[in-house]
């Protein structure tokens, strides 16, 4: 039988701690908001043209936050609190390898022009985003813009690059879903 030495136990503990920290960061359960070495980067802009009226596109984009939602949407978004034009919501997004990010955000509504999002808890300390809805000759132009911020200078900036890639992929998927559903409703 082998004897576990301090160095083996210490190394195992360090690996376990590093793994737990990584999983905590990736899933949004741990947010490092140190306020030191903050760097910001833009998210978007992403623009899609939707062959549907602005009020329908807005309604589809706002549907995950409505009081009555389809089950598929309620499995992705939990509403924790609600007021007239603001909700506090937890969003679940699969990022692969069996991991799901849970972000907590305030979502503000200015129908039918804008939906704003501000991160309160997630894999980075700062994200502010918006969907802007503008009438266009073919229906509606939906523009997504945002900003993602991380701490710890270059190290945080690299982490922000990883998070931003996954974040933008999730937003693109949402925009595609909004377009498809709004155009379906218009037909």
Protein backbone atom coordinates (compact mmCIF):
# COMPACT_ATOMS: atom_id res chain seq x y z
CA UNK A 1 0.00 0.00 0.00
CA UNK A 2 1.23 3.43 -0.87
CA UNK A 3 1.52 6.26 1.56
CA UNK A 4 -0.01 9.55 0.61
CA UNK A 5 2.55 12.22 1.22
CA UNK A 6 1.83 15.87 1.74
CA UNK A 7 3.07 16.68 -1.74
CA UNK A 8 0.69 14.16 -3.37
CA UNK A 9 -2.24 15.26 -1.23
CA UNK A 10 -1.33 18.91 -1.75
CA UNK A 11 -1.12 18.46 -5.52
CA UNK A 12 -4.45 16.58 -5.59
CA UNK A 13 -6.03 19.31 -3.50
CA UNK A 14 -4.64 22.00 -5.77
CA UNK A 15 -5.93 20.21 -8.88
CA UNK A 16 -9.33 19.73 -7.23
CA UNK A 17 -9.49 23.39 -6.21
CA UNK A 18 -8.45 24.57 -9.69
CA UNK A 19 -11.05 22.29 -11.29
CA UNK A 20 -13.78 23.54 -8.95
CA UNK A 21 -12.80 27.17 -9.63
CA UNK A 22 -12.86 26.59 -13.39
CA UNK A 23 -16.27 24.87 -13.29
CA UNK A 24 -17.55 27.64 -11.01
CA UNK A 25 -16.36 30.35 -13.43
CA UNK A 26 -17.60 28.57 -16.56
CA UNK A 27 -21.06 27.90 -15.13
CA UNK A 28 -21.48 31.36 -13.64
CA UNK A 29 -21.70 30.09 -10.06
CA UNK A 30 -18.54 32.04 -9.24
CA UNK A 31 -18.08 35.57 -10.51
CA UNK A 32 -14.76 37.32 -9.99
CA UNK A 33 -15.63 40.99 -9.65
CA UNK A 34 -12.44 42.42 -8.22
CA UNK A 35 -12.58 45.85 -9.86
CA UNK A 36 -8.87 45.56 -10.62
CA UNK A 37 -7.50 45.69 -14.15
CA UNK A 38 -10.94 45.98 -15.74
CA UNK A 39 -10.97 45.62 -19.51
CA UNK A 40 -14.01 45.89 -21.76
CA UNK A 41 -14.71 44.61 -25.23
CA UNK A 42 -17.68 45.09 -27.54
CA UNK A 43 -20.19 42.34 -28.26
CA UNK A 44 -21.61 42.79 -31.73
CA UNK A 45 -23.11 44.61 -33.32
CA UNK A 46 -25.13 41.79 -34.88
CA UNK A 47 -27.90 42.82 -37.25
CA UNK A 48 -30.67 40.70 -38.72
CA UNK A 49 -33.49 41.62 -41.06
CA UNK A 50 -36.81 40.05 -40.16
CA UNK A 51 -39.71 39.89 -42.61
CA UNK A 52 -42.24 40.75 -39.90
CA UNK A 53 -43.69 43.90 -38.32
CA UNK A 54 -41.76 45.42 -35.42
CA UNK A 55 -44.45 44.68 -32.81
CA UNK A 56 -44.39 40.97 -33.68
CA UNK A 57 -40.58 40.77 -33.63
CA UNK A 58 -40.54 42.57 -30.28
CA UNK A 59 -43.22 40.24 -28.86
CA UNK A 60 -41.24 37.17 -29.93
CA UNK A 61 -38.03 38.54 -28.37
CA UNK A 62 -39.87 39.39 -25.14
CA UNK A 63 -41.71 36.02 -24.96
CA UNK A 64 -39.20 34.30 -22.63
CA UNK A 65 -40.05 36.92 -20.00
CA UNK A 66 -43.84 36.92 -20.38
CA UNK A 67 -46.05 35.70 -17.55
CA UNK A 68 -47.36 32.89 -19.75
CA UNK A 69 -44.58 31.13 -21.64
CA UNK A 70 -44.23 27.88 -23.50
CA UNK A 71 -42.59 25.09 -21.46
CA UNK A 72 -39.51 25.11 -23.73
CA UNK A 73 -38.86 28.75 -22.79
CA UNK A 74 -39.54 28.25 -19.09
CA UNK A 75 -36.90 25.49 -19.07
CA UNK A 76 -34.30 28.01 -20.28
CA UNK A 77 -35.36 31.09 -18.31
CA UNK A 78 -36.56 31.38 -14.68
CA UNK A 79 -38.24 34.63 -13.70
CA UNK A 80 -37.22 35.46 -10.14
CA UNK A 81 -38.96 38.83 -9.85
CA UNK A 82 -41.13 41.02 -12.04
CA UNK A 83 -42.30 44.62 -12.15
CA UNK A 84 -43.99 46.63 -14.89
CA UNK A 85 -41.01 47.00 -17.25
CA UNK A 86 -38.26 44.96 -15.57
CA UNK A 87 -37.70 41.30 -14.76
CA UNK A 88 -34.97 39.58 -12.82
CA UNK A 89 -34.23 36.37 -14.70
CA UNK A 90 -31.91 33.39 -14.50
CA UNK A 91 -30.88 32.12 -17.94
CA UNK A 92 -29.57 28.58 -18.53
CA UNK A 93 -27.30 27.97 -21.55
CA UNK A 94 -25.53 24.69 -22.31
CA UNK A 95 -21.84 25.21 -23.09
CA UNK A 96 -20.95 21.58 -23.75
CA UNK A 97 -19.14 18.90 -21.78
CA UNK A 98 -22.19 18.59 -19.55
CA UNK A 99 -21.83 22.16 -18.29
CA UNK A 100 -24.63 24.71 -18.19
CA UNK A 101 -24.02 28.39 -17.58
CA UNK A 102 -26.52 30.07 -15.28
CA UNK A 103 -26.52 33.84 -15.61
CA UNK A 104 -28.70 36.20 -13.62
CA UNK A 105 -29.72 39.37 -15.42
CA UNK A 106 -32.07 42.30 -15.18
CA UNK A 107 -34.09 42.64 -18.35
CA UNK A 108 -35.71 46.00 -19.12
CA UNK A 109 -38.46 46.60 -21.67
CA UNK A 110 -39.23 49.66 -23.78
CA UNK A 111 -41.84 48.30 -26.23
CA UNK A 112 -41.55 48.10 -29.17
CA UNK A 113 -38.14 49.76 -29.46
CA UNK A 114 -35.69 48.12 -27.05
CA UNK A 115 -34.96 45.28 -24.66
CA UNK A 116 -31.96 45.80 -22.38
CA UNK A 117 -29.97 43.23 -20.41
CA UNK A 118 -27.53 43.76 -17.53
CA UNK A 119 -25.59 40.86 -16.01
CA UNK A 120 -25.71 40.50 -12.24
CA UNK A 121 -24.11 37.05 -11.93
CA UNK A 122 -22.23 35.06 -14.54
CA UNK A 123 -18.84 33.98 -15.84
CA UNK A 124 -17.60 37.59 -16.07
CA UNK A 125 -18.25 40.61 -13.84
CA UNK A 126 -19.82 42.88 -16.46
CA UNK A 127 -22.11 42.48 -19.45
CA UNK A 128 -24.58 45.09 -20.72
CA UNK A 129 -26.54 44.37 -23.92
CA UNK A 130 -29.54 45.48 -25.91
CA UNK A 131 -31.85 44.45 -28.70
CA UNK A 132 -32.97 47.46 -30.75
CA UNK A 133 -35.97 47.09 -33.08
CA UNK A 134 -36.27 49.43 -36.06
CA UNK A 135 -38.87 49.35 -38.85
CA UNK A 136 -37.36 48.60 -42.24
CA UNK A 137 -38.70 48.42 -45.80
CA UNK A 138 -38.90 44.62 -45.52
CA UNK A 139 -40.20 44.45 -41.94
CA UNK A 140 -37.89 44.97 -38.97
CA UNK A 141 -34.19 45.36 -38.43
CA UNK A 142 -33.08 43.85 -35.11
CA UNK A 143 -29.70 45.06 -33.86
CA UNK A 144 -27.86 43.46 -30.97
CA UNK A 145 -25.05 45.37 -29.23
CA UNK A 146 -23.26 44.80 -25.98
CA UNK A 147 -20.18 45.19 -23.86
CA UNK A 148 -18.36 42.52 -21.83
CA UNK A 149 -15.92 43.39 -19.07
CA UNK A 150 -13.38 41.32 -17.17
CA UNK A 151 -10.88 41.97 -14.39
CA UNK A 152 -7.19 41.08 -14.01
CA UNK A 153 -5.75 42.83 -17.05
CA UNK A 154 -4.47 40.50 -19.82
CA UNK A 155 -5.45 37.28 -17.99
CA UNK A 156 -9.01 38.54 -17.66
CA UNK A 157 -8.99 39.76 -21.24
CA UNK A 158 -8.14 36.23 -22.44
CA UNK A 159 -10.95 34.79 -20.31
CA UNK A 160 -13.24 37.44 -21.80
CA UNK A 161 -12.31 36.28 -25.31
CA UNK A 162 -13.37 32.73 -24.40
CA UNK A 163 -16.63 33.89 -22.80
CA UNK A 164 -17.41 36.37 -25.59
CA UNK A 165 -17.15 33.65 -28.24
CA UNK A 166 -19.68 31.45 -26.47
CA UNK A 167 -21.86 34.45 -25.58
CA UNK A 168 -22.08 35.68 -29.18
CA UNK A 169 -22.86 32.15 -30.42
CA UNK A 170 -25.76 31.99 -27.94
CA UNK A 171 -27.01 35.42 -29.05
CA UNK A 172 -26.80 34.42 -32.73
CA UNK A 173 -28.90 31.35 -31.97
CA UNK A 174 -31.45 33.54 -30.16
CA UNK A 175 -31.58 35.99 -33.05
CA UNK A 176 -32.13 33.15 -35.51
CA UNK A 177 -34.95 31.76 -33.34
CA UNK A 178 -36.56 35.20 -33.09
CA UNK A 179 -36.40 35.65 -36.87
CA UNK A 180 -37.87 32.22 -37.62
CA UNK A 181 -40.72 32.55 -35.10
CA UNK A 182 -41.60 36.16 -36.03
CA UNK A 183 -41.71 35.30 -39.71
CA UNK A 184 -43.81 32.20 -38.94
CA UNK A 185 -46.29 34.31 -36.98
CA UNK A 186 -46.45 36.84 -39.84
CA UNK A 187 -47.36 34.17 -42.41
